[in-house]
Amino acid sequence: MIAVVKVAGQQFKVEKDQTLYVPRLEGNAGDKLDLEVLLADADGKLSTGSDIKTKVKAEIVDQVKGDTVIAYKQKRRKGFHKKKGHRTAYTKIKVTSIA
């Protein structure tokens, strides 16, 4: 069974026992989540909108940070340069059940 869920304004295609990184969610490791289902596929039978009876449950595995992204600006022959960096925060979740 496959489902498309909405997490923090983004859509993700998920299956049972799948691990994925989503934008940071509030909570600690071990917390349970109920995800909003947009589309469900059960053996070729699609359901959308108000027809959806599927529930997707997930568990927070860890709070992690992504790779460093560097933003560098420079104006030639002026002596101006600026370097900034950031690491985006992600939440690692595991889909425990799709029913």
PDB file of N, CA and C in Angstrom:
ATOM      1  N   MET A   1       0.842  -1.176   0.000  1.00  0.00           N
ATOM      2  CA  MET A   1       0.000   0.000   0.000  1.00  0.00           C
ATOM      3  C   MET A   1       0.889   1.242   0.000  1.00  0.00           C
ATOM      4  N   ILE A   2       0.520   2.201  -0.809  1.00  0.00           N
ATOM      5  CA  ILE A   2       1.258   3.451  -0.936  1.00  0.00           C
ATOM      6  C   ILE A   2       0.311   4.598  -0.622  1.00  0.00           C
ATOM      7  N   ALA A   3       0.836   5.643  -0.006  1.00  0.00           N
ATOM      8  CA  ALA A   3       0.024   6.825   0.299  1.00  0.00           C
ATOM      9  C   ALA A   3       0.845   8.077   0.041  1.00  0.00           C
ATOM     10  N   VAL A   4       0.152   9.147  -0.300  1.00  0.00           N
ATOM     11  CA  VAL A   4       0.773  10.461  -0.421  1.00  0.00           C
ATOM     12  C   VAL A   4       0.287  11.273   0.776  1.00  0.00           C
ATOM     13  N   VAL A   5       1.245  11.751   1.593  1.00  0.00           N
ATOM     14  CA  VAL A   5       0.893  12.476   2.810  1.00  0.00           C
ATOM     15  C   VAL A   5       1.413  13.905   2.735  1.00  0.00           C
ATOM     16  N   LYS A   6       0.800  14.769   3.519  1.00  0.00           N
ATOM     17  CA  LYS A   6       1.215  16.164   3.595  1.00  0.00           C
ATOM     18  C   LYS A   6       1.876  16.388   4.953  1.00  0.00           C
ATOM     19  N   VAL A   7       3.142  16.833   4.906  1.00  0.00           N
ATOM     20  CA  VAL A   7       3.899  17.095   6.131  1.00  0.00           C
ATOM     21  C   VAL A   7       4.538  18.465   5.990  1.00  0.00           C
ATOM     22  N   ALA A   8       4.207  19.380   6.875  1.00  0.00           N
ATOM     23  CA  ALA A   8       4.798  20.721   6.903  1.00  0.00           C
ATOM     24  C   ALA A   8       4.690  21.415   5.550  1.00  0.00           C
ATOM     25  N   GLY A   9       3.539  21.274   4.878  1.00  0.00           N
ATOM     26  CA  GLY A   9       3.314  21.961   3.621  1.00  0.00           C
ATOM     27  C   GLY A   9       3.914  21.288   2.403  1.00  0.00           C
ATOM     28  N   GLN A  10       4.548  20.131   2.570  1.00  0.00           N
ATOM     29  CA  GLN A  10       5.133  19.397   1.451  1.00  0.00           C
ATOM     30  C   GLN A  10       4.497  18.018   1.345  1.00  0.00           C
ATOM     31  N   GLN A  11       4.482  17.472   0.126  1.00  0.00           N
ATOM     32  CA  GLN A  11       3.890  16.162  -0.104  1.00  0.00           C
ATOM     33  C   GLN A  11       4.988  15.106  -0.236  1.00  0.00           C
ATOM     34  N   PHE A  12       4.739  13.939   0.373  1.00  0.00           N
ATOM     35  CA  PHE A  12       5.691  12.839   0.332  1.00  0.00           C
ATOM     36  C   PHE A  12       4.948  11.550   0.008  1.00  0.00           C
ATOM     37  N   LYS A  13       5.536  10.736  -0.871  1.00  0.00           N
ATOM     38  CA  LYS A  13       5.004   9.412  -1.188  1.00  0.00           C
ATOM     39  C   LYS A  13       5.633   8.430  -0.211  1.00  0.00           C
ATOM     40  N   VAL A  14       4.817   7.714   0.563  1.00  0.00           N
ATOM     41  CA  VAL A  14       5.342   6.855   1.627  1.00  0.00           C
ATOM     42  C   VAL A  14       4.818   5.429   1.514  1.00  0.00           C
ATOM     43  N   GLU A  15       5.602   4.506   2.067  1.00  0.00           N
ATOM     44  CA  GLU A  15       5.236   3.104   2.214  1.00  0.00           C
ATOM     45  C   GLU A  15       5.508   2.699   3.659  1.00  0.00           C
ATOM     46  N   LYS A  16       5.008   1.539   4.045  1.00  0.00           N
ATOM     47  CA  LYS A  16       5.222   1.051   5.407  1.00  0.00           C
ATOM     48  C   LYS A  16       6.709   0.797   5.645  1.00  0.00           C
ATOM     49  N   ASP A  17       7.185   1.112   6.833  1.00  0.00           N
ATOM     50  CA  ASP A  17       8.576   0.940   7.279  1.00  0.00           C
ATOM     51  C   ASP A  17       9.574   1.817   6.517  1.00  0.00           C
ATOM     52  N   GLN A  18       9.099   2.853   5.847  1.00  0.00           N
ATOM     53  CA  GLN A  18       9.998   3.769   5.143  1.00  0.00           C
ATOM     54  C   GLN A  18      10.495   4.840   6.109  1.00  0.00           C
ATOM     55  N   THR A  19      11.760   5.238   5.940  1.00  0.00           N
ATOM     56  CA  THR A  19      12.352   6.315   6.730  1.00  0.00           C
ATOM     57  C   THR A  19      12.576   7.496   5.806  1.00  0.00           C
ATOM     58  N   LEU A  20      12.173   8.697   6.258  1.00  0.00           N
ATOM     59  CA  LEU A  20      12.392   9.868   5.426  1.00  0.00           C
ATOM     60  C   LEU A  20      12.671  11.097   6.273  1.00  0.00           C
ATOM     61  N   TYR A  21      13.270  12.091   5.620  1.00  0.00           N
ATOM     62  CA  TYR A  21      13.606  13.351   6.268  1.00  0.00           C
ATOM     63  C   TYR A  21      12.603  14.400   5.821  1.00  0.00           C
ATOM     64  N   VAL A  22      11.952  15.047   6.786  1.00  0.00           N
ATOM     65  CA  VAL A  22      10.955  16.074   6.500  1.00  0.00           C
ATOM     66  C   VAL A  22      11.387  17.365   7.192  1.00  0.00           C
ATOM     67  N   PRO A  23      10.845  18.514   6.757  1.00  0.00           N
ATOM     68  CA  PRO A  23      11.171  19.759   7.464  1.00  0.00           C
ATOM     69  C   PRO A  23      10.848  19.625   8.949  1.00  0.00           C
ATOM     70  N   ARG A  24      11.577  20.331   9.768  1.00  0.00           N
ATOM     71  CA  ARG A  24      11.508  20.176  11.225  1.00  0.00           C
ATOM     72  C   ARG A  24      10.084  20.212  11.770  1.00  0.00           C
ATOM     73  N   LEU A  25       9.777  19.204  12.591  1.00  0.00           N
ATOM     74  CA  LEU A  25       8.499  19.106  13.298  1.00  0.00           C
ATOM     75  C   LEU A  25       8.777  19.184  14.792  1.00  0.00           C
ATOM     76  N   GLU A  26       7.844  19.716  15.537  1.00  0.00           N
ATOM     77  CA  GLU A  26       7.979  19.765  16.986  1.00  0.00           C
ATOM     78  C   GLU A  26       7.835  18.359  17.549  1.00  0.00           C
ATOM     79  N   GLY A  27       8.650  18.031  18.525  1.00  0.00           N
ATOM     80  CA  GLY A  27       8.567  16.733  19.177  1.00  0.00           C
ATOM     81  C   GLY A  27       9.939  16.161  19.431  1.00  0.00           C
ATOM     82  N   ASN A  28       9.962  15.105  20.217  1.00  0.00           N
ATOM     83  CA  ASN A  28      11.204  14.428  20.563  1.00  0.00           C
ATOM     84  C   ASN A  28      11.225  13.034  19.958  1.00  0.00           C
ATOM     85  N   ALA A  29      12.380  12.400  19.985  1.00  0.00           N
ATOM     86  CA  ALA A  29      12.510  11.040  19.479  1.00  0.00           C
ATOM     87  C   ALA A  29      11.553  10.119  20.231  1.00  0.00           C
ATOM     88  N   GLY A  30      10.834   9.297  19.480  1.00  0.00           N
ATOM     89  CA  GLY A  30       9.879   8.371  20.080  1.00  0.00           C
ATOM     90  C   GLY A  30       8.444   8.858  20.046  1.00  0.00           C
ATOM     91  N   ASP A  31       8.228  10.138  19.753  1.00  0.00           N
ATOM     92  CA  ASP A  31       6.861  10.667  19.674  1.00  0.00           C
ATOM     93  C   ASP A  31       6.147  10.102  18.450  1.00  0.00           C
ATOM     94  N   LYS A  32       4.836   9.879  18.587  1.00  0.00           N
ATOM     95  CA  LYS A  32       4.015   9.329  17.509  1.00  0.00           C
ATOM     96  C   LYS A  32       3.326  10.469  16.757  1.00  0.00           C
ATOM     97  N   LEU A  33       3.151  10.282  15.445  1.00  0.00           N
ATOM     98  CA  LEU A  33       2.490  11.273  14.599  1.00  0.00           C
ATOM     99  C   LEU A  33       1.376  10.623  13.792  1.00  0.00           C
ATOM    100  N   ASP A  34       0.311  11.369  13.536  1.00  0.00           N
ATOM    101  CA  ASP A  34      -0.711  10.980  12.577  1.00  0.00           C
ATOM    102  C   ASP A  34      -0.583  11.946  11.409  1.00  0.00           C
ATOM    103  N   LEU A  35      -0.308  11.419  10.218  1.00  0.00           N
ATOM    104  CA  LEU A  35      -0.067  12.260   9.056  1.00  0.00           C
ATOM    105  C   LEU A  35      -1.333  12.425   8.228  1.00  0.00           C
ATOM    106  N   GLU A  36      -1.468  13.596   7.599  1.00  0.00           N
ATOM    107  CA  GLU A  36      -2.621  13.908   6.761  1.00  0.00           C
ATOM    108  C   GLU A  36      -2.460  13.211   5.410  1.00  0.00           C
ATOM    109  N   VAL A  37      -3.439  12.379   5.038  1.00  0.00           N
ATOM    110  CA  VAL A  37      -3.370  11.603   3.805  1.00  0.00           C
ATOM    111  C   VAL A  37      -4.101  12.345   2.686  1.00  0.00           C
ATOM    112  N   LEU A  38      -3.421  12.512   1.540  1.00  0.00           N
ATOM    113  CA  LEU A  38      -4.012  13.173   0.380  1.00  0.00           C
ATOM    114  C   LEU A  38      -4.490  12.173  -0.663  1.00  0.00           C
ATOM    115  N   LEU A  39      -3.774  11.037  -0.783  1.00  0.00           N
ATOM    116  CA  LEU A  39      -4.105  10.028  -1.781  1.00  0.00           C
ATOM    117  C   LEU A  39      -3.642   8.677  -1.257  1.00  0.00           C
ATOM    118  N   ALA A  40      -4.440   7.643  -1.491  1.00  0.00           N
ATOM    119  CA  ALA A  40      -4.071   6.298  -1.052  1.00  0.00           C
ATOM    120  C   ALA A  40      -4.266   5.324  -2.197  1.00  0.00           C
ATOM    121  N   ASP A  41      -3.329   4.372  -2.337  1.00  0.00           N
ATOM    122  CA  ASP A  41      -3.390   3.350  -3.374  1.00  0.00           C
ATOM    123  C   ASP A  41      -3.334   1.989  -2.703  1.00  0.00           C
ATOM    124  N   ALA A  42      -4.442   1.255  -2.765  1.00  0.00           N
ATOM    125  CA  ALA A  42      -4.510  -0.079  -2.181  1.00  0.00           C
ATOM    126  C   ALA A  42      -4.715  -1.084  -3.309  1.00  0.00           C
ATOM    127  N   ASP A  43      -3.646  -1.716  -3.757  1.00  0.00           N
ATOM    128  CA  ASP A  43      -3.684  -2.731  -4.815  1.00  0.00           C
ATOM    129  C   ASP A  43      -4.362  -2.216  -6.084  1.00  0.00           C
ATOM    130  N   GLY A  44      -3.956  -1.021  -6.517  1.00  0.00           N
ATOM    131  CA  GLY A  44      -4.486  -0.456  -7.755  1.00  0.00           C
ATOM    132  C   GLY A  44      -5.768   0.339  -7.604  1.00  0.00           C
ATOM    133  N   LYS A  45      -6.338   0.371  -6.418  1.00  0.00           N
ATOM    134  CA  LYS A  45      -7.574   1.130  -6.186  1.00  0.00           C
ATOM    135  C   LYS A  45      -7.212   2.453  -5.520  1.00  0.00           C
ATOM    136  N   LEU A  46      -7.390   3.549  -6.252  1.00  0.00           N
ATOM    137  CA  LEU A  46      -7.053   4.873  -5.732  1.00  0.00           C
ATOM    138  C   LEU A  46      -8.223   5.476  -4.981  1.00  0.00           C
ATOM    139  N   SER A  47      -7.910   6.212  -3.920  1.00  0.00           N
ATOM    140  CA  SER A  47      -8.932   6.968  -3.204  1.00  0.00           C
ATOM    141  C   SER A  47      -8.362   8.341  -2.868  1.00  0.00           C
ATOM    142  N   THR A  48      -9.164   9.356  -3.101  1.00  0.00           N
ATOM    143  CA  THR A  48      -8.755  10.735  -2.848  1.00  0.00           C
ATOM    144  C   THR A  48      -9.892  11.487  -2.181  1.00  0.00           C
ATOM    145  N   GLY A  49      -9.586  12.661  -1.696  1.00  0.00           N
ATOM    146  CA  GLY A  49     -10.616  13.542  -1.126  1.00  0.00           C
ATOM    147  C   GLY A  49     -11.319  12.927   0.059  1.00  0.00           C
ATOM    148  N   SER A  50     -12.655  12.986   0.050  1.00  0.00           N
ATOM    149  CA  SER A  50     -13.449  12.493   1.179  1.00  0.00           C
ATOM    150  C   SER A  50     -13.577  10.964   1.170  1.00  0.00           C
ATOM    151  N   ASP A  51     -13.119  10.295   0.090  1.00  0.00           N
ATOM    152  CA  ASP A  51     -13.178   8.827   0.017  1.00  0.00           C
ATOM    153  C   ASP A  51     -12.099   8.150   0.857  1.00  0.00           C
ATOM    154  N   ILE A  52     -11.127   8.902   1.321  1.00  0.00           N
ATOM    155  CA  ILE A  52      -9.978   8.319   2.013  1.00  0.00           C
ATOM    156  C   ILE A  52     -10.373   7.831   3.404  1.00  0.00           C
ATOM    157  N   LYS A  53     -10.118   6.557   3.634  1.00  0.00           N
ATOM    158  CA  LYS A  53     -10.332   5.968   4.960  1.00  0.00           C
ATOM    159  C   LYS A  53      -8.984   5.564   5.572  1.00  0.00           C
ATOM    160  N   THR A  54      -7.909   5.772   4.831  1.00  0.00           N
ATOM    161  CA  THR A  54      -6.575   5.341   5.239  1.00  0.00           C
ATOM    162  C   THR A  54      -5.997   6.247   6.319  1.00  0.00           C
ATOM    163  N   LYS A  55      -5.348   5.650   7.284  1.00  0.00           N
ATOM    164  CA  LYS A  55      -4.640   6.370   8.343  1.00  0.00           C
ATOM    165  C   LYS A  55      -3.161   6.030   8.242  1.00  0.00           C
ATOM    166  N   VAL A  56      -2.307   7.049   8.292  1.00  0.00           N
ATOM    167  CA  VAL A  56      -0.866   6.842   8.254  1.00  0.00           C
ATOM    168  C   VAL A  56      -0.297   7.289   9.588  1.00  0.00           C
ATOM    169  N   LYS A  57       0.409   6.378  10.253  1.00  0.00           N
ATOM    170  CA  LYS A  57       1.025   6.673  11.542  1.00  0.00           C
ATOM    171  C   LYS A  57       2.539   6.618  11.371  1.00  0.00           C
ATOM    172  N   ALA A  58       3.225   7.549  12.042  1.00  0.00           N
ATOM    173  CA  ALA A  58       4.683   7.620  11.952  1.00  0.00           C
ATOM    174  C   ALA A  58       5.255   7.883  13.332  1.00  0.00           C
ATOM    175  N   GLU A  59       6.563   7.690  13.438  1.00  0.00           N
ATOM    176  CA  GLU A  59       7.267   7.902  14.693  1.00  0.00           C
ATOM    177  C   GLU A  59       8.500   8.749  14.418  1.00  0.00           C
ATOM    178  N   ILE A  60       8.762   9.729  15.284  1.00  0.00           N
ATOM    179  CA  ILE A  60       9.962  10.551  15.151  1.00  0.00           C
ATOM    180  C   ILE A  60      11.161   9.733  15.613  1.00  0.00           C
ATOM    181  N   VAL A  61      12.165   9.636  14.726  1.00  0.00           N
ATOM    182  CA  VAL A  61      13.384   8.892  15.050  1.00  0.00           C
ATOM    183  C   VAL A  61      14.427   9.833  15.637  1.00  0.00           C
ATOM    184  N   ASP A  62      14.614  11.016  15.009  1.00  0.00           N
ATOM    185  CA  ASP A  62      15.665  11.925  15.444  1.00  0.00           C
ATOM    186  C   ASP A  62      15.446  13.311  14.854  1.00  0.00           C
ATOM    187  N   GLN A  63      16.036  14.324  15.494  1.00  0.00           N
ATOM    188  CA  GLN A  63      16.088  15.685  14.955  1.00  0.00           C
ATOM    189  C   GLN A  63      17.506  15.885  14.434  1.00  0.00           C
ATOM    190  N   VAL A  64      17.653  16.200  13.147  1.00  0.00           N
ATOM    191  CA  VAL A  64      18.981  16.304  12.536  1.00  0.00           C
ATOM    192  C   VAL A  64      19.121  17.616  11.769  1.00  0.00           C
ATOM    193  N   LYS A  65      20.363  17.938  11.387  1.00  0.00           N
ATOM    194  CA  LYS A  65      20.645  19.106  10.566  1.00  0.00           C
ATOM    195  C   LYS A  65      21.194  18.646   9.222  1.00  0.00           C
ATOM    196  N   GLY A  66      20.866  19.390   8.175  1.00  0.00           N
ATOM    197  CA  GLY A  66      21.349  19.067   6.840  1.00  0.00           C
ATOM    198  C   GLY A  66      22.772  19.546   6.631  1.00  0.00           C
ATOM    199  N   ASP A  67      23.263  19.402   5.400  1.00  0.00           N
ATOM    200  CA  ASP A  67      24.606  19.839   5.049  1.00  0.00           C
ATOM    201  C   ASP A  67      24.691  21.366   5.076  1.00  0.00           C
ATOM    202  N   THR A  68      25.900  21.866   5.253  1.00  0.00           N
ATOM    203  CA  THR A  68      26.124  23.303   5.276  1.00  0.00           C
ATOM    204  C   THR A  68      25.980  23.885   3.876  1.00  0.00           C
ATOM    205  N   VAL A  69      25.213  24.970   3.774  1.00  0.00           N
ATOM    206  CA  VAL A  69      25.034  25.686   2.513  1.00  0.00           C
ATOM    207  C   VAL A  69      25.696  27.041   2.679  1.00  0.00           C
ATOM    208  N   ILE A  70      26.629  27.372   1.788  1.00  0.00           N
ATOM    209  CA  ILE A  70      27.375  28.626   1.862  1.00  0.00           C
ATOM    210  C   ILE A  70      26.822  29.602   0.837  1.00  0.00           C
ATOM    211  N   ALA A  71      26.541  30.835   1.279  1.00  0.00           N
ATOM    212  CA  ALA A  71      26.140  31.924   0.383  1.00  0.00           C
ATOM    213  C   ALA A  71      27.290  32.927   0.380  1.00  0.00           C
ATOM    214  N   TYR A  72      27.906  33.125  -0.785  1.00  0.00           N
ATOM    215  CA  TYR A  72      29.070  33.994  -0.894  1.00  0.00           C
ATOM    216  C   TYR A  72      28.801  35.077  -1.926  1.00  0.00           C
ATOM    217  N   LYS A  73      29.027  36.337  -1.539  1.00  0.00           N
ATOM    218  CA  LYS A  73      28.850  37.473  -2.441  1.00  0.00           C
ATOM    219  C   LYS A  73      30.147  38.259  -2.510  1.00  0.00           C
ATOM    220  N   GLN A  74      30.444  38.779  -3.706  1.00  0.00           N
ATOM    221  CA  GLN A  74      31.664  39.554  -3.878  1.00  0.00           C
ATOM    222  C   GLN A  74      31.475  40.553  -5.014  1.00  0.00           C
ATOM    223  N   LYS A  75      32.037  41.764  -4.833  1.00  0.00           N
ATOM    224  CA  LYS A  75      32.074  42.752  -5.913  1.00  0.00           C
ATOM    225  C   LYS A  75      33.529  42.942  -6.304  1.00  0.00           C
ATOM    226  N   ARG A  76      33.836  42.706  -7.531  1.00  0.00           N
ATOM    227  CA  ARG A  76      35.236  42.740  -7.959  1.00  0.00           C
ATOM    228  C   ARG A  76      35.817  44.156  -7.883  1.00  0.00           C
ATOM    229  N   ARG A  77      37.056  44.213  -7.517  1.00  0.00           N
ATOM    230  CA  ARG A  77      37.857  45.436  -7.420  1.00  0.00           C
ATOM    231  C   ARG A  77      37.341  46.429  -6.374  1.00  0.00           C
ATOM    232  N   LYS A  78      36.443  46.050  -5.528  1.00  0.00           N
ATOM    233  CA  LYS A  78      35.888  46.959  -4.517  1.00  0.00           C
ATOM    234  C   LYS A  78      36.272  46.559  -3.103  1.00  0.00           C
ATOM    235  N   GLY A  79      36.798  45.373  -2.927  1.00  0.00           N
ATOM    236  CA  GLY A  79      37.151  44.906  -1.593  1.00  0.00           C
ATOM    237  C   GLY A  79      35.943  44.431  -0.797  1.00  0.00           C
ATOM    238  N   PHE A  80      34.796  44.265  -1.461  1.00  0.00           N
ATOM    239  CA  PHE A  80      33.577  43.824  -0.771  1.00  0.00           C
ATOM    240  C   PHE A  80      33.393  42.320  -0.952  1.00  0.00           C
ATOM    241  N   HIS A  81      33.262  41.615   0.157  1.00  0.00           N
ATOM    242  CA  HIS A  81      32.876  40.211   0.108  1.00  0.00           C
ATOM    243  C   HIS A  81      32.148  39.856   1.391  1.00  0.00           C
ATOM    244  N   LYS A  82      31.188  38.957   1.252  1.00  0.00           N
ATOM    245  CA  LYS A  82      30.349  38.553   2.374  1.00  0.00           C
ATOM    246  C   LYS A  82      30.137  37.038   2.274  1.00  0.00           C
ATOM    247  N   LYS A  83      30.347  36.340   3.363  1.00  0.00           N
ATOM    248  CA  LYS A  83      30.182  34.893   3.382  1.00  0.00           C
ATOM    249  C   LYS A  83      29.284  34.517   4.550  1.00  0.00           C
ATOM    250  N   LYS A  84      28.178  33.836   4.245  1.00  0.00           N
ATOM    251  CA  LYS A  84      27.263  33.349   5.272  1.00  0.00           C
ATOM    252  C   LYS A  84      26.938  31.896   4.984  1.00  0.00           C
ATOM    253  N   GLY A  85      26.611  31.169   6.010  1.00  0.00           N
ATOM    254  CA  GLY A  85      26.241  29.770   5.833  1.00  0.00           C
ATOM    255  C   GLY A  85      25.112  29.393   6.781  1.00  0.00           C
ATOM    256  N   HIS A  86      24.410  28.302   6.442  1.00  0.00           N
ATOM    257  CA  HIS A  86      23.360  27.810   7.336  1.00  0.00           C
ATOM    258  C   HIS A  86      23.186  26.306   7.131  1.00  0.00           C
ATOM    259  N   ARG A  87      22.593  25.682   8.123  1.00  0.00           N
ATOM    260  CA  ARG A  87      22.252  24.265   8.063  1.00  0.00           C
ATOM    261  C   ARG A  87      20.769  24.133   8.371  1.00  0.00           C
ATOM    262  N   THR A  88      20.023  23.577   7.434  1.00  0.00           N
ATOM    263  CA  THR A  88      18.587  23.422   7.592  1.00  0.00           C
ATOM    264  C   THR A  88      18.272  22.294   8.575  1.00  0.00           C
ATOM    265  N   ALA A  89      17.285  22.513   9.419  1.00  0.00           N
ATOM    266  CA  ALA A  89      16.882  21.511  10.407  1.00  0.00           C
ATOM    267  C   ALA A  89      15.843  20.570   9.791  1.00  0.00           C
ATOM    268  N   TYR A  90      16.043  19.270  10.002  1.00  0.00           N
ATOM    269  CA  TYR A  90      15.132  18.244   9.504  1.00  0.00           C
ATOM    270  C   TYR A  90      14.725  17.322  10.648  1.00  0.00           C
ATOM    271  N   THR A  91      13.607  16.647  10.454  1.00  0.00           N
ATOM    272  CA  THR A  91      13.154  15.619  11.379  1.00  0.00           C
ATOM    273  C   THR A  91      13.159  14.287  10.624  1.00  0.00           C
ATOM    274  N   LYS A  92      13.816  13.299  11.197  1.00  0.00           N
ATOM    275  CA  LYS A  92      13.848  11.965  10.596  1.00  0.00           C
ATOM    276  C   LYS A  92      12.675  11.184  11.173  1.00  0.00           C
ATOM    277  N   ILE A  93      11.778  10.728  10.294  1.00  0.00           N
ATOM    278  CA  ILE A  93      10.611   9.969  10.755  1.00  0.00           C
ATOM    279  C   ILE A  93      10.571   8.605  10.081  1.00  0.00           C
ATOM    280  N   LYS A  94       9.908   7.663  10.739  1.00  0.00           N
ATOM    281  CA  LYS A  94       9.706   6.322  10.191  1.00  0.00           C
ATOM    282  C   LYS A  94       8.220   6.038  10.164  1.00  0.00           C
ATOM    283  N   VAL A  95       7.720   5.631   9.003  1.00  0.00           N
ATOM    284  CA  VAL A  95       6.301   5.297   8.855  1.00  0.00           C
ATOM    285  C   VAL A  95       6.091   3.922   9.481  1.00  0.00           C
ATOM    286  N   THR A  96       5.253   3.877  10.510  1.00  0.00           N
ATOM    287  CA  THR A  96       5.046   2.617  11.224  1.00  0.00           C
ATOM    288  C   THR A  96       3.875   1.804  10.671  1.00  0.00           C
ATOM    289  N   SER A  97       2.824   2.485  10.199  1.00  0.00           N
ATOM    290  CA  SER A  97       1.690   1.730   9.659  1.00  0.00           C
ATOM    291  C   SER A  97       0.880   2.573   8.682  1.00  0.00           C
ATOM    292  N   ILE A  98       0.340   1.869   7.692  1.00  0.00           N
ATOM    293  CA  ILE A  98      -0.630   2.463   6.754  1.00  0.00           C
ATOM    294  C   ILE A  98      -1.828   1.530   6.768  1.00  0.00           C
ATOM    295  N   ALA A  99      -2.931   2.002   7.329  1.00  0.00           N
ATOM    296  CA  ALA A  99      -4.111   1.146   7.437  1.00  0.00           C
ATOM    297  C   ALA A  99      -5.371   1.894   7.073  1.00  0.00           C
TER     298      ALA A  99
END
